[in-house]
PDB file of N, CA and C in Angstrom:
ATOM      1  N   MET A   1     -50.962 -65.562   5.785  1.00  0.00           N
ATOM      2  CA  MET A   1     -49.887 -64.908   5.224  1.00  0.00           C
ATOM      3  C   MET A   1     -50.289 -64.348   3.868  1.00  0.00           C
ATOM      4  N   ARG A   2     -51.546 -64.756   3.335  1.00  0.00           N
ATOM      5  CA  ARG A   2     -51.951 -64.143   2.189  1.00  0.00           C
ATOM      6  C   ARG A   2     -52.232 -62.760   1.958  1.00  0.00           C
ATOM      7  N   TRP A   3     -52.455 -62.029   3.182  1.00  0.00           N
ATOM      8  CA  TRP A   3     -52.619 -60.591   3.074  1.00  0.00           C
ATOM      9  C   TRP A   3     -51.370 -59.907   2.852  1.00  0.00           C
ATOM     10  N   LYS A   4     -50.437 -60.362   3.339  1.00  0.00           N
ATOM     11  CA  LYS A   4     -49.005 -59.792   2.971  1.00  0.00           C
ATOM     12  C   LYS A   4     -48.896 -59.818   1.609  1.00  0.00           C
ATOM     13  N   ARG A   5     -48.934 -61.012   0.970  1.00  0.00           N
ATOM     14  CA  ARG A   5     -48.492 -60.874  -0.451  1.00  0.00           C
ATOM     15  C   ARG A   5     -49.683 -60.001  -1.328  1.00  0.00           C
ATOM     16  N   GLU A   6     -50.789 -59.873  -0.782  1.00  0.00           N
ATOM     17  CA  GLU A   6     -51.799 -58.909  -1.548  1.00  0.00           C
ATOM     18  C   GLU A   6     -51.095 -57.499  -1.286  1.00  0.00           C
ATOM     19  N   ILE A   7     -50.533 -57.052  -0.049  1.00  0.00           N
ATOM     20  CA  ILE A   7     -50.030 -55.963   0.025  1.00  0.00           C
ATOM     21  C   ILE A   7     -48.845 -55.675  -0.785  1.00  0.00           C
ATOM     22  N   ASN A   8     -48.202 -56.637  -0.733  1.00  0.00           N
ATOM     23  CA  ASN A   8     -46.827 -56.477  -1.825  1.00  0.00           C
ATOM     24  C   ASN A   8     -47.283 -56.113  -3.203  1.00  0.00           C
ATOM     25  N   ILE A   9     -48.297 -56.913  -3.616  1.00  0.00           N
ATOM     26  CA  ILE A   9     -48.752 -56.801  -4.914  1.00  0.00           C
ATOM     27  C   ILE A   9     -49.229 -55.132  -5.171  1.00  0.00           C
ATOM     28  N   LYS A  10     -50.087 -54.749  -4.232  1.00  0.00           N
ATOM     29  CA  LYS A  10     -50.481 -53.300  -4.230  1.00  0.00           C
ATOM     30  C   LYS A  10     -49.349 -52.389  -4.266  1.00  0.00           C
ATOM     31  N   ILE A  11     -48.456 -52.570  -3.503  1.00  0.00           N
ATOM     32  CA  ILE A  11     -47.369 -51.736  -3.607  1.00  0.00           C
ATOM     33  C   ILE A  11     -46.570 -51.782  -4.780  1.00  0.00           C
ATOM     34  N   ASN A  12     -46.297 -52.701  -5.179  1.00  0.00           N
ATOM     35  CA  ASN A  12     -45.755 -52.890  -6.600  1.00  0.00           C
ATOM     36  C   ASN A  12     -46.630 -52.348  -7.544  1.00  0.00           C
ATOM     37  N   LEU A  13     -47.754 -52.453  -7.621  1.00  0.00           N
ATOM     38  CA  LEU A  13     -48.729 -51.638  -8.800  1.00  0.00           C
ATOM     39  C   LEU A  13     -48.558 -50.061  -8.481  1.00  0.00           C
ATOM     40  N   ALA A  14     -48.608 -49.832  -7.214  1.00  0.00           N
ATOM     41  CA  ALA A  14     -48.486 -48.379  -6.914  1.00  0.00           C
ATOM     42  C   ALA A  14     -47.321 -47.725  -7.588  1.00  0.00           C
ATOM     43  N   SER A  15     -45.970 -48.273  -7.185  1.00  0.00           N
ATOM     44  CA  SER A  15     -44.900 -47.744  -7.709  1.00  0.00           C
ATOM     45  C   SER A  15     -44.789 -47.900  -9.047  1.00  0.00           C
ATOM     46  N   ILE A  16     -45.469 -48.678  -9.931  1.00  0.00           N
ATOM     47  CA  ILE A  16     -45.278 -48.738 -11.189  1.00  0.00           C
ATOM     48  C   ILE A  16     -46.289 -47.567 -11.560  1.00  0.00           C
ATOM     49  N   TYR A  17     -47.518 -47.228 -11.148  1.00  0.00           N
ATOM     50  CA  TYR A  17     -48.353 -46.014 -11.545  1.00  0.00           C
ATOM     51  C   TYR A  17     -47.468 -44.813 -11.187  1.00  0.00           C
ATOM     52  N   TYR A  18     -46.798 -44.932 -10.109  1.00  0.00           N
ATOM     53  CA  TYR A  18     -46.154 -43.384  -9.836  1.00  0.00           C
ATOM     54  C   TYR A  18     -44.857 -43.254 -10.747  1.00  0.00           C
ATOM     55  N   TYR A  19     -44.350 -44.292 -11.153  1.00  0.00           N
ATOM     56  CA  TYR A  19     -43.211 -44.073 -12.303  1.00  0.00           C
ATOM     57  C   TYR A  19     -43.854 -43.680 -13.606  1.00  0.00           C
ATOM     58  N   GLN A  20     -44.918 -44.229 -13.862  1.00  0.00           N
ATOM     59  CA  GLN A  20     -45.599 -43.813 -15.105  1.00  0.00           C
ATOM     60  C   GLN A  20     -45.984 -42.235 -14.969  1.00  0.00           C
ATOM     61  N   PHE A  21     -46.467 -41.740 -13.884  1.00  0.00           N
ATOM     62  CA  PHE A  21     -46.762 -40.647 -13.818  1.00  0.00           C
ATOM     63  C   PHE A  21     -45.712 -39.680 -13.913  1.00  0.00           C
ATOM     64  N   LEU A  22     -44.384 -40.220 -13.287  1.00  0.00           N
ATOM     65  CA  LEU A  22     -43.140 -39.470 -13.594  1.00  0.00           C
ATOM     66  C   LEU A  22     -42.853 -39.311 -14.925  1.00  0.00           C
ATOM     67  N   VAL A  23     -43.002 -40.444 -15.729  1.00  0.00           N
ATOM     68  CA  VAL A  23     -42.547 -40.309 -17.209  1.00  0.00           C
ATOM     69  C   VAL A  23     -43.479 -39.329 -17.817  1.00  0.00           C
ATOM     70  N   ILE A  24     -44.744 -39.231 -17.542  1.00  0.00           N
ATOM     71  CA  ILE A  24     -45.612 -38.088 -18.149  1.00  0.00           C
ATOM     72  C   ILE A  24     -45.079 -36.829 -17.711  1.00  0.00           C
ATOM     73  N   LYS A  25     -44.572 -36.466 -16.539  1.00  0.00           N
ATOM     74  CA  LYS A  25     -44.271 -35.286 -16.308  1.00  0.00           C
ATOM     75  C   LYS A  25     -42.820 -35.092 -16.932  1.00  0.00           C
ATOM     76  N   MET A  26     -41.902 -36.177 -16.989  1.00  0.00           N
ATOM     77  CA  MET A  26     -40.657 -35.696 -17.685  1.00  0.00           C
ATOM     78  C   MET A  26     -40.795 -35.478 -19.259  1.00  0.00           C
ATOM     79  N   ASP A  27     -42.039 -36.304 -19.963  1.00  0.00           N
ATOM     80  CA  ASP A  27     -42.226 -35.836 -21.193  1.00  0.00           C
ATOM     81  C   ASP A  27     -42.589 -34.511 -21.524  1.00  0.00           C
ATOM     82  N   SER A  28     -43.230 -33.724 -20.582  1.00  0.00           N
ATOM     83  CA  SER A  28     -43.525 -32.341 -20.706  1.00  0.00           C
ATOM     84  C   SER A  28     -42.185 -31.447 -20.531  1.00  0.00           C
ATOM     85  N   ILE A  29     -41.181 -32.016 -19.883  1.00  0.00           N
ATOM     86  CA  ILE A  29     -39.996 -31.229 -19.901  1.00  0.00           C
ATOM     87  C   ILE A  29     -39.015 -31.711 -20.813  1.00  0.00           C
ATOM     88  N   GLY A  30     -39.398 -32.610 -21.780  1.00  0.00           N
ATOM     89  CA  GLY A  30     -38.663 -33.136 -22.859  1.00  0.00           C
ATOM     90  C   GLY A  30     -37.308 -34.039 -22.667  1.00  0.00           C
ATOM     91  N   THR A  31     -37.341 -34.630 -21.458  1.00  0.00           N
ATOM     92  CA  THR A  31     -36.384 -35.691 -21.053  1.00  0.00           C
ATOM     93  C   THR A  31     -36.944 -37.256 -20.938  1.00  0.00           C
ATOM     94  N   ALA A  32     -38.118 -37.420 -21.793  1.00  0.00           N
ATOM     95  CA  ALA A  32     -38.615 -38.866 -21.538  1.00  0.00           C
ATOM     96  C   ALA A  32     -37.783 -40.034 -21.945  1.00  0.00           C
ATOM     97  N   GLY A  33     -37.024 -39.938 -22.778  1.00  0.00           N
ATOM     98  CA  GLY A  33     -35.941 -40.771 -23.286  1.00  0.00           C
ATOM     99  C   GLY A  33     -35.216 -41.242 -22.057  1.00  0.00           C
ATOM    100  N   LEU A  34     -34.613 -40.404 -21.231  1.00  0.00           N
ATOM    101  CA  LEU A  34     -33.846 -40.616 -20.150  1.00  0.00           C
ATOM    102  C   LEU A  34     -34.650 -41.443 -18.939  1.00  0.00           C
ATOM    103  N   ALA A  35     -35.898 -40.776 -18.915  1.00  0.00           N
ATOM    104  CA  ALA A  35     -36.726 -41.254 -17.948  1.00  0.00           C
ATOM    105  C   ALA A  35     -37.050 -42.866 -18.239  1.00  0.00           C
ATOM    106  N   ARG A  36     -37.395 -43.037 -19.409  1.00  0.00           N
ATOM    107  CA  ARG A  36     -37.797 -44.378 -19.642  1.00  0.00           C
ATOM    108  C   ARG A  36     -36.673 -45.370 -19.535  1.00  0.00           C
ATOM    109  N   ASN A  37     -35.558 -45.011 -19.796  1.00  0.00           N
ATOM    110  CA  ASN A  37     -34.230 -45.767 -19.554  1.00  0.00           C
ATOM    111  C   ASN A  37     -34.211 -46.127 -18.210  1.00  0.00           C
ATOM    112  N   TYR A  38     -34.423 -45.198 -17.362  1.00  0.00           N
ATOM    113  CA  TYR A  38     -34.114 -45.403 -15.922  1.00  0.00           C
ATOM    114  C   TYR A  38     -35.487 -46.491 -15.316  1.00  0.00           C
ATOM    115  N   ILE A  39     -36.529 -46.096 -15.990  1.00  0.00           N
ATOM    116  CA  ILE A  39     -37.725 -46.990 -15.263  1.00  0.00           C
ATOM    117  C   ILE A  39     -37.464 -48.421 -15.968  1.00  0.00           C
ATOM    118  N   ALA A  40     -37.022 -48.458 -17.069  1.00  0.00           N
ATOM    119  CA  ALA A  40     -36.729 -49.821 -17.550  1.00  0.00           C
ATOM    120  C   ALA A  40     -36.131 -50.610 -16.738  1.00  0.00           C
ATOM    121  N   VAL A  41     -34.812 -49.905 -16.363  1.00  0.00           N
ATOM    122  CA  VAL A  41     -33.686 -50.643 -15.526  1.00  0.00           C
ATOM    123  C   VAL A  41     -34.258 -50.992 -14.154  1.00  0.00           C
ATOM    124  N   ASP A  42     -35.137 -49.695 -13.575  1.00  0.00           N
ATOM    125  CA  ASP A  42     -35.426 -50.040 -12.103  1.00  0.00           C
ATOM    126  C   ASP A  42     -36.471 -51.011 -11.977  1.00  0.00           C
ATOM    127  N   LEU A  43     -37.532 -51.053 -12.922  1.00  0.00           N
ATOM    128  CA  LEU A  43     -38.779 -52.038 -12.486  1.00  0.00           C
ATOM    129  C   LEU A  43     -38.850 -53.039 -13.454  1.00  0.00           C
ATOM    130  N   PHE A  44     -37.966 -53.061 -14.426  1.00  0.00           N
ATOM    131  CA  PHE A  44     -38.159 -54.207 -15.537  1.00  0.00           C
ATOM    132  C   PHE A  44     -39.359 -53.923 -16.136  1.00  0.00           C
ATOM    133  N   VAL A  45     -39.884 -52.563 -16.457  1.00  0.00           N
ATOM    134  CA  VAL A  45     -41.140 -52.340 -17.222  1.00  0.00           C
ATOM    135  C   VAL A  45     -40.554 -52.145 -18.527  1.00  0.00           C
ATOM    136  N   PRO A  46     -41.296 -52.679 -19.576  1.00  0.00           N
ATOM    137  CA  PRO A  46     -40.999 -52.490 -20.972  1.00  0.00           C
ATOM    138  C   PRO A  46     -40.961 -51.079 -21.436  1.00  0.00           C
ATOM    139  N   ASP A  47     -40.220 -50.874 -22.472  1.00  0.00           N
ATOM    140  CA  ASP A  47     -40.242 -49.234 -22.958  1.00  0.00           C
ATOM    141  C   ASP A  47     -41.496 -48.774 -23.519  1.00  0.00           C
ATOM    142  N   SER A  48     -42.605 -49.522 -23.696  1.00  0.00           N
ATOM    143  CA  SER A  48     -43.800 -49.016 -24.306  1.00  0.00           C
ATOM    144  C   SER A  48     -44.531 -48.318 -23.311  1.00  0.00           C
ATOM    145  N   ILE A  49     -44.243 -47.776 -22.237  1.00  0.00           N
ATOM    146  CA  ILE A  49     -45.231 -47.089 -21.406  1.00  0.00           C
ATOM    147  C   ILE A  49     -45.288 -45.841 -21.902  1.00  0.00           C
TER     148      ILE A  49
END
């Protein structure tokens, strides 16, 4: 069952990177504050990304 845990970790990391990418895109349209609030609630990622 170890490989399942590793896959889960990889999926979580991938989704965090994806959301960071979205924040960068949002930054360019000027709605970064909204995006960061959404991500903090969604993934429990601190506001410092």
